[in-house]
Amino acid sequence: MKTKSKKYRAAKDRIGNKPYQIAEAIGLLKQTVKGKFDESVEIHFNLGIDPKKSEQIVKGIVTLPHGTGREVKVAVFTESKQAEAKTAGADLVGGKELIEEIIKTGKTDFDAAVATPDFMREITKAAKILGTRGLMPSPKNQTVTADVAGIIKKLKLGQVNFRNDTAGNVHQIIGKTSWNENQLLENFNAFLTVIRKARPKGIKGAFIVSITLCSTMGPGIKIQT
């Protein structure tokens, strides 16, 4: 097993194992981060759900007030609104030829995909590729819409989809270590609010079992639930 660096161990010793209020934890994270690059700030929720039961799946959409700190590349699949998509700032716009290219090469060089309702029959041809990568447009996450400009703006500003993993955890990037504490706190609170609202019916006991904050290269900081 790879030995942790001295910087990591020093940060871990300073943090300890006690849980912190979120504002205090964010301040501590910023004080202990020693990366040579602008690390992402991650939040990890361990939920009291049974991920094998479909009725206990936790998923949803959240718009973080300050985005995630990542540039989001948006692809728009449409024949009818290509000009609108390009004007709105889409990184990739195309119709049938774009679908054919994805099927042929298997390449998906984008982070989110949008489709107009009249193009869904065509995009299903690439469903096996897009679906397995979490890129299939869907009315449920608002990415199948006639309001192409509106959804591109939301995605660029920080709208993200989340879903629990097979262990019942939800992971999300909420910013960068270079951001000020208030930006990170507002993003955390926005995400926490949506997670609480996503609580499935019938859950007994604690829904949010634990919350951990960390940077890309740093140790986890326990958050008081």
C-alpha atoms as a PDB file:
ATOM      1  CA  MET A   1       0.000   0.000   0.000  1.00  0.00           C
ATOM      2  CA  LYS A   2       1.302   3.425  -0.967  1.00  0.00           C
ATOM      3  CA  THR A   3       2.477   5.520   2.002  1.00  0.00           C
ATOM      4  CA  LYS A   4       0.736   8.862   2.447  1.00  0.00           C
ATOM      5  CA  SER A   5       2.886  11.979   2.112  1.00  0.00           C
ATOM      6  CA  LYS A   6       4.107  13.980   5.097  1.00  0.00           C
ATOM      7  CA  LYS A   7       1.769  16.827   4.122  1.00  0.00           C
ATOM      8  CA  TYR A   8      -1.211  14.468   4.068  1.00  0.00           C
ATOM      9  CA  ARG A   9      -0.302  12.942   7.441  1.00  0.00           C
ATOM     10  CA  ALA A  10       0.219  16.388   8.975  1.00  0.00           C
ATOM     11  CA  ALA A  11      -3.192  17.525   7.719  1.00  0.00           C
ATOM     12  CA  LYS A  12      -4.794  14.316   9.001  1.00  0.00           C
ATOM     13  CA  ASP A  13      -3.246  14.792  12.445  1.00  0.00           C
ATOM     14  CA  ARG A  14      -4.489  18.376  12.615  1.00  0.00           C
ATOM     15  CA  ILE A  15      -8.017  17.402  11.573  1.00  0.00           C
ATOM     16  CA  GLY A  16      -8.335  14.397  13.863  1.00  0.00           C
ATOM     17  CA  ASN A  17     -11.494  12.288  13.992  1.00  0.00           C
ATOM     18  CA  LYS A  18     -14.006  14.631  15.576  1.00  0.00           C
ATOM     19  CA  PRO A  19     -16.936  16.002  13.541  1.00  0.00           C
ATOM     20  CA  TYR A  20     -17.041  19.709  12.723  1.00  0.00           C
ATOM     21  CA  GLN A  21     -19.706  22.242  11.878  1.00  0.00           C
ATOM     22  CA  ILE A  22     -19.615  22.757   8.099  1.00  0.00           C
ATOM     23  CA  ALA A  23     -18.310  26.343   8.249  1.00  0.00           C
ATOM     24  CA  GLU A  24     -15.495  25.287  10.561  1.00  0.00           C
ATOM     25  CA  ALA A  25     -14.700  22.289   8.365  1.00  0.00           C
ATOM     26  CA  ILE A  26     -14.426  24.441   5.253  1.00  0.00           C
ATOM     27  CA  GLY A  27     -12.051  26.801   7.030  1.00  0.00           C
ATOM     28  CA  LEU A  28      -9.956  23.863   8.231  1.00  0.00           C
ATOM     29  CA  LEU A  29      -9.834  22.355   4.755  1.00  0.00           C
ATOM     30  CA  LYS A  30      -8.550  25.603   3.271  1.00  0.00           C
ATOM     31  CA  GLN A  31      -5.900  25.875   5.996  1.00  0.00           C
ATOM     32  CA  THR A  32      -4.593  22.341   5.492  1.00  0.00           C
ATOM     33  CA  VAL A  33      -4.657  22.015   1.703  1.00  0.00           C
ATOM     34  CA  LYS A  34      -1.105  21.870   0.340  1.00  0.00           C
ATOM     35  CA  GLY A  35      -1.634  20.814  -3.263  1.00  0.00           C
ATOM     36  CA  LYS A  36       0.419  22.289  -6.075  1.00  0.00           C
ATOM     37  CA  PHE A  37      -2.773  22.803  -8.090  1.00  0.00           C
ATOM     38  CA  ASP A  38      -6.245  24.160  -7.438  1.00  0.00           C
ATOM     39  CA  GLU A  39      -7.873  21.064  -5.989  1.00  0.00           C
ATOM     40  CA  SER A  40     -11.575  20.317  -6.146  1.00  0.00           C
ATOM     41  CA  VAL A  41     -13.620  20.345  -2.953  1.00  0.00           C
ATOM     42  CA  GLU A  42     -15.728  17.202  -2.614  1.00  0.00           C
ATOM     43  CA  ILE A  43     -18.656  16.309  -0.397  1.00  0.00           C
ATOM     44  CA  HIS A  44     -19.571  12.683   0.295  1.00  0.00           C
ATOM     45  CA  PHE A  45     -22.868  11.558   1.819  1.00  0.00           C
ATOM     46  CA  ASN A  46     -23.335   8.074   3.264  1.00  0.00           C
ATOM     47  CA  LEU A  47     -27.074   7.414   3.263  1.00  0.00           C
ATOM     48  CA  GLY A  48     -29.182   4.994   5.293  1.00  0.00           C
ATOM     49  CA  ILE A  49     -30.756   3.392   2.227  1.00  0.00           C
ATOM     50  CA  ASP A  50     -30.769  -0.030   0.621  1.00  0.00           C
ATOM     51  CA  PRO A  51     -29.414   0.719  -2.874  1.00  0.00           C
ATOM     52  CA  LYS A  52     -30.677  -2.676  -4.082  1.00  0.00           C
ATOM     53  CA  LYS A  53     -34.258  -1.469  -3.678  1.00  0.00           C
ATOM     54  CA  SER A  54     -35.446   0.681  -6.563  1.00  0.00           C
ATOM     55  CA  GLU A  55     -37.815   2.626  -4.311  1.00  0.00           C
ATOM     56  CA  GLN A  56     -34.874   3.756  -2.190  1.00  0.00           C
ATOM     57  CA  ILE A  57     -32.746   5.144  -5.008  1.00  0.00           C
ATOM     58  CA  VAL A  58     -31.709   8.731  -4.289  1.00  0.00           C
ATOM     59  CA  LYS A  59     -31.274  10.918  -7.350  1.00  0.00           C
ATOM     60  CA  GLY A  60     -32.098  14.390  -8.519  1.00  0.00           C
ATOM     61  CA  ILE A  61     -30.989  17.690  -9.951  1.00  0.00           C
ATOM     62  CA  VAL A  62     -29.351  20.596  -8.169  1.00  0.00           C
ATOM     63  CA  THR A  63     -28.122  23.953  -9.379  1.00  0.00           C
ATOM     64  CA  LEU A  64     -25.143  25.012  -7.318  1.00  0.00           C
ATOM     65  CA  PRO A  65     -25.081  28.804  -6.809  1.00  0.00           C
ATOM     66  CA  HIS A  66     -21.419  29.031  -7.808  1.00  0.00           C
ATOM     67  CA  GLY A  67     -21.141  26.013 -10.102  1.00  0.00           C
ATOM     68  CA  THR A  68     -18.579  23.276  -9.571  1.00  0.00           C
ATOM     69  CA  GLY A  69     -15.455  25.049 -10.784  1.00  0.00           C
ATOM     70  CA  ARG A  70     -15.304  22.763 -13.790  1.00  0.00           C
ATOM     71  CA  GLU A  71     -15.890  23.885 -17.348  1.00  0.00           C
ATOM     72  CA  VAL A  72     -18.939  21.983 -18.573  1.00  0.00           C
ATOM     73  CA  LYS A  73     -18.910  20.949 -22.220  1.00  0.00           C
ATOM     74  CA  VAL A  74     -22.465  20.737 -23.541  1.00  0.00           C
ATOM     75  CA  ALA A  75     -23.504  18.838 -26.671  1.00  0.00           C
ATOM     76  CA  VAL A  76     -26.872  19.566 -28.290  1.00  0.00           C
ATOM     77  CA  PHE A  77     -28.552  17.040 -30.567  1.00  0.00           C
ATOM     78  CA  THR A  78     -31.062  18.725 -32.836  1.00  0.00           C
ATOM     79  CA  GLU A  79     -31.952  19.490 -36.420  1.00  0.00           C
ATOM     80  CA  SER A  80     -34.433  22.269 -35.721  1.00  0.00           C
ATOM     81  CA  LYS A  81     -32.536  24.461 -33.238  1.00  0.00           C
ATOM     82  CA  GLN A  82     -28.897  24.294 -34.191  1.00  0.00           C
ATOM     83  CA  ALA A  83     -28.527  28.059 -34.616  1.00  0.00           C
ATOM     84  CA  GLU A  84     -30.091  28.706 -31.187  1.00  0.00           C
ATOM     85  CA  ALA A  85     -27.806  26.123 -29.558  1.00  0.00           C
ATOM     86  CA  LYS A  86     -24.669  27.650 -31.065  1.00  0.00           C
ATOM     87  CA  THR A  87     -25.702  31.165 -30.045  1.00  0.00           C
ATOM     88  CA  ALA A  88     -26.392  29.949 -26.489  1.00  0.00           C
ATOM     89  CA  GLY A  89     -22.858  28.612 -26.146  1.00  0.00           C
ATOM     90  CA  ALA A  90     -23.136  24.875 -26.828  1.00  0.00           C
ATOM     91  CA  ASP A  91     -19.726  23.294 -27.359  1.00  0.00           C
ATOM     92  CA  LEU A  92     -20.960  20.705 -29.839  1.00  0.00           C
ATOM     93  CA  VAL A  93     -24.059  20.906 -32.018  1.00  0.00           C
ATOM     94  CA  GLY A  94     -25.282  18.395 -34.562  1.00  0.00           C
ATOM     95  CA  GLY A  95     -28.018  16.182 -35.882  1.00  0.00           C
ATOM     96  CA  LYS A  96     -27.998  12.787 -37.563  1.00  0.00           C
ATOM     97  CA  GLU A  97     -24.353  13.137 -38.607  1.00  0.00           C
ATOM     98  CA  LEU A  98     -23.299  13.637 -34.971  1.00  0.00           C
ATOM     99  CA  ILE A  99     -25.195  10.530 -33.890  1.00  0.00           C
ATOM    100  CA  GLU A 100     -23.546   8.514 -36.660  1.00  0.00           C
ATOM    101  CA  GLU A 101     -20.109   9.767 -35.623  1.00  0.00           C
ATOM    102  CA  ILE A 102     -20.665   8.749 -31.987  1.00  0.00           C
ATOM    103  CA  ILE A 103     -21.865   5.297 -33.023  1.00  0.00           C
ATOM    104  CA  LYS A 104     -18.878   4.869 -35.352  1.00  0.00           C
ATOM    105  CA  THR A 105     -16.115   6.136 -33.062  1.00  0.00           C
ATOM    106  CA  GLY A 106     -17.614   5.707 -29.579  1.00  0.00           C
ATOM    107  CA  LYS A 107     -16.203   9.105 -28.621  1.00  0.00           C
ATOM    108  CA  THR A 108     -18.190  11.458 -26.390  1.00  0.00           C
ATOM    109  CA  ASP A 109     -16.047  14.515 -25.729  1.00  0.00           C
ATOM    110  CA  PHE A 110     -18.639  16.375 -23.639  1.00  0.00           C
ATOM    111  CA  ASP A 111     -19.982  16.422 -20.085  1.00  0.00           C
ATOM    112  CA  ALA A 112     -23.707  16.902 -20.687  1.00  0.00           C
ATOM    113  CA  ALA A 113     -26.063  16.244 -23.575  1.00  0.00           C
ATOM    114  CA  VAL A 114     -29.264  18.022 -24.581  1.00  0.00           C
ATOM    115  CA  ALA A 115     -31.803  17.028 -27.216  1.00  0.00           C
ATOM    116  CA  THR A 116     -34.913  18.628 -28.624  1.00  0.00           C
ATOM    117  CA  PRO A 117     -38.093  16.507 -28.342  1.00  0.00           C
ATOM    118  CA  ASP A 118     -38.367  16.126 -32.128  1.00  0.00           C
ATOM    119  CA  PHE A 119     -34.915  14.509 -32.251  1.00  0.00           C
ATOM    120  CA  MET A 120     -35.360  11.805 -29.612  1.00  0.00           C
ATOM    121  CA  ARG A 121     -36.111   9.073 -32.133  1.00  0.00           C
ATOM    122  CA  GLU A 122     -32.707   9.647 -33.716  1.00  0.00           C
ATOM    123  CA  ILE A 123     -30.747   9.916 -30.484  1.00  0.00           C
ATOM    124  CA  THR A 124     -32.024   6.550 -29.222  1.00  0.00           C
ATOM    125  CA  LYS A 125     -29.783   4.963 -31.858  1.00  0.00           C
ATOM    126  CA  ALA A 126     -26.810   5.945 -29.670  1.00  0.00           C
ATOM    127  CA  ALA A 127     -28.552   5.121 -26.384  1.00  0.00           C
ATOM    128  CA  LYS A 128     -26.211   2.235 -25.527  1.00  0.00           C
ATOM    129  CA  ILE A 129     -23.191   4.524 -25.679  1.00  0.00           C
ATOM    130  CA  LEU A 130     -24.728   7.625 -24.119  1.00  0.00           C
ATOM    131  CA  GLY A 131     -26.702   5.744 -21.475  1.00  0.00           C
ATOM    132  CA  THR A 132     -23.765   3.816 -20.041  1.00  0.00           C
ATOM    133  CA  ARG A 133     -21.845   7.099 -19.667  1.00  0.00           C
ATOM    134  CA  GLY A 134     -24.685   8.996 -18.012  1.00  0.00           C
ATOM    135  CA  LEU A 135     -25.088  11.241 -21.052  1.00  0.00           C
ATOM    136  CA  MET A 136     -28.482  10.210 -22.380  1.00  0.00           C
ATOM    137  CA  PRO A 137     -30.830  13.216 -22.484  1.00  0.00           C
ATOM    138  CA  SER A 138     -33.992  12.746 -20.454  1.00  0.00           C
ATOM    139  CA  PRO A 139     -37.111  14.795 -19.656  1.00  0.00           C
ATOM    140  CA  LYS A 140     -36.569  13.907 -15.979  1.00  0.00           C
ATOM    141  CA  ASN A 141     -33.356  15.914 -15.790  1.00  0.00           C
ATOM    142  CA  GLN A 142     -34.680  18.628 -18.124  1.00  0.00           C
ATOM    143  CA  THR A 143     -32.231  17.810 -20.915  1.00  0.00           C
ATOM    144  CA  VAL A 144     -34.951  16.920 -23.408  1.00  0.00           C
ATOM    145  CA  THR A 145     -36.478  20.311 -24.053  1.00  0.00           C
ATOM    146  CA  ALA A 146     -37.434  22.870 -26.658  1.00  0.00           C
ATOM    147  CA  ASP A 147     -35.854  25.551 -24.468  1.00  0.00           C
ATOM    148  CA  VAL A 148     -32.343  24.813 -25.679  1.00  0.00           C
ATOM    149  CA  ALA A 149     -30.862  28.146 -24.632  1.00  0.00           C
ATOM    150  CA  GLY A 150     -32.337  27.881 -21.130  1.00  0.00           C
ATOM    151  CA  ILE A 151     -30.946  24.440 -20.332  1.00  0.00           C
ATOM    152  CA  ILE A 152     -27.514  25.272 -21.788  1.00  0.00           C
ATOM    153  CA  LYS A 153     -27.330  28.267 -19.451  1.00  0.00           C
ATOM    154  CA  LYS A 154     -28.294  26.137 -16.426  1.00  0.00           C
ATOM    155  CA  LEU A 155     -25.742  23.455 -17.250  1.00  0.00           C
ATOM    156  CA  LYS A 156     -22.996  26.003 -17.761  1.00  0.00           C
ATOM    157  CA  LEU A 157     -23.846  27.760 -14.482  1.00  0.00           C
ATOM    158  CA  GLY A 158     -23.739  24.609 -12.389  1.00  0.00           C
ATOM    159  CA  GLN A 159     -26.793  22.372 -12.760  1.00  0.00           C
ATOM    160  CA  VAL A 160     -25.724  18.816 -11.973  1.00  0.00           C
ATOM    161  CA  ASN A 161     -27.438  15.465 -11.723  1.00  0.00           C
ATOM    162  CA  PHE A 162     -26.712  13.164  -8.808  1.00  0.00           C
ATOM    163  CA  ARG A 163     -27.503   9.552  -7.968  1.00  0.00           C
ATOM    164  CA  ASN A 164     -26.389   7.233  -5.199  1.00  0.00           C
ATOM    165  CA  ASP A 165     -23.787   4.585  -5.975  1.00  0.00           C
ATOM    166  CA  THR A 166     -24.070   0.857  -5.289  1.00  0.00           C
ATOM    167  CA  ALA A 167     -22.932   1.375  -1.680  1.00  0.00           C
ATOM    168  CA  GLY A 168     -25.572   4.002  -0.908  1.00  0.00           C
ATOM    169  CA  ASN A 169     -23.236   6.990  -1.160  1.00  0.00           C
ATOM    170  CA  VAL A 170     -23.658  10.264  -3.035  1.00  0.00           C
ATOM    171  CA  HIS A 171     -20.562  12.178  -4.150  1.00  0.00           C
ATOM    172  CA  GLN A 172     -20.400  15.716  -5.497  1.00  0.00           C
ATOM    173  CA  ILE A 173     -17.808  18.389  -6.274  1.00  0.00           C
ATOM    174  CA  ILE A 174     -18.900  21.686  -4.736  1.00  0.00           C
ATOM    175  CA  GLY A 175     -16.059  23.977  -5.786  1.00  0.00           C
ATOM    176  CA  LYS A 176     -12.336  24.648  -5.666  1.00  0.00           C
ATOM    177  CA  THR A 177      -9.946  25.148  -2.760  1.00  0.00           C
ATOM    178  CA  SER A 178      -9.112  28.620  -4.093  1.00  0.00           C
ATOM    179  CA  TRP A 179     -12.713  29.759  -3.607  1.00  0.00           C
ATOM    180  CA  ASN A 180     -13.719  31.792  -0.594  1.00  0.00           C
ATOM    181  CA  GLU A 181     -15.420  30.052   2.296  1.00  0.00           C
ATOM    182  CA  ASN A 182     -18.812  31.633   1.647  1.00  0.00           C
ATOM    183  CA  GLN A 183     -18.959  30.272  -1.908  1.00  0.00           C
ATOM    184  CA  LEU A 184     -18.227  26.740  -0.698  1.00  0.00           C
ATOM    185  CA  LEU A 185     -20.706  27.070   2.163  1.00  0.00           C
ATOM    186  CA  GLU A 186     -23.505  28.243  -0.140  1.00  0.00           C
ATOM    187  CA  ASN A 187     -22.867  25.386  -2.559  1.00  0.00           C
ATOM    188  CA  PHE A 188     -22.833  22.869   0.301  1.00  0.00           C
ATOM    189  CA  ASN A 189     -26.101  24.164   1.727  1.00  0.00           C
ATOM    190  CA  ALA A 190     -27.786  24.092  -1.685  1.00  0.00           C
ATOM    191  CA  PHE A 191     -26.761  20.470  -2.183  1.00  0.00           C
ATOM    192  CA  LEU A 192     -27.688  19.444   1.364  1.00  0.00           C
ATOM    193  CA  THR A 193     -31.180  20.929   0.934  1.00  0.00           C
ATOM    194  CA  VAL A 194     -31.802  18.909  -2.232  1.00  0.00           C
ATOM    195  CA  ILE A 195     -30.446  15.695  -0.670  1.00  0.00           C
ATOM    196  CA  ARG A 196     -32.830  16.074   2.272  1.00  0.00           C
ATOM    197  CA  LYS A 197     -35.778  16.586  -0.068  1.00  0.00           C
ATOM    198  CA  ALA A 198     -34.780  13.435  -1.981  1.00  0.00           C
ATOM    199  CA  ARG A 199     -35.311  11.217   1.080  1.00  0.00           C
ATOM    200  CA  PRO A 200     -37.307   8.153  -0.049  1.00  0.00           C
ATOM    201  CA  LYS A 201     -40.508   7.300   1.775  1.00  0.00           C
ATOM    202  CA  GLY A 202     -40.331   4.441   4.223  1.00  0.00           C
ATOM    203  CA  ILE A 203     -36.757   5.041   5.376  1.00  0.00           C
ATOM    204  CA  LYS A 204     -36.445   4.114   9.034  1.00  0.00           C
ATOM    205  CA  GLY A 205     -33.736   5.614  11.193  1.00  0.00           C
ATOM    206  CA  ALA A 206     -31.191   8.138  10.010  1.00  0.00           C
ATOM    207  CA  PHE A 207     -31.339   9.049   6.323  1.00  0.00           C
ATOM    208  CA  ILE A 208     -28.020  10.930   6.257  1.00  0.00           C
ATOM    209  CA  VAL A 209     -25.681   8.626   8.183  1.00  0.00           C
ATOM    210  CA  SER A 210     -22.495  10.634   7.696  1.00  0.00           C
ATOM    211  CA  ILE A 211     -21.065  13.520   5.680  1.00  0.00           C
ATOM    212  CA  THR A 212     -17.403  13.910   4.758  1.00  0.00           C
ATOM    213  CA  LEU A 213     -15.683  16.928   3.231  1.00  0.00           C
ATOM    214  CA  CYS A 214     -12.313  16.698   1.505  1.00  0.00           C
ATOM    215  CA  SER A 215     -10.111  18.137  -1.206  1.00  0.00           C
ATOM    216  CA  THR A 216      -8.870  16.065  -4.132  1.00  0.00           C
ATOM    217  CA  MET A 217      -5.632  15.113  -2.391  1.00  0.00           C
ATOM    218  CA  GLY A 218      -6.547  15.751   1.235  1.00  0.00           C
ATOM    219  CA  PRO A 219      -7.930  13.682   4.114  1.00  0.00           C
ATOM    220  CA  GLY A 220     -11.620  13.543   4.918  1.00  0.00           C
ATOM    221  CA  ILE A 221     -13.176  15.914   7.452  1.00  0.00           C
ATOM    222  CA  LYS A 222     -16.236  14.632   9.278  1.00  0.00           C
ATOM    223  CA  ILE A 223     -19.250  16.967   9.257  1.00  0.00           C
ATOM    224  CA  GLN A 224     -21.811  17.127  12.031  1.00  0.00           C
ATOM    225  CA  THR A 225     -25.069  15.815  10.599  1.00  0.00           C
END
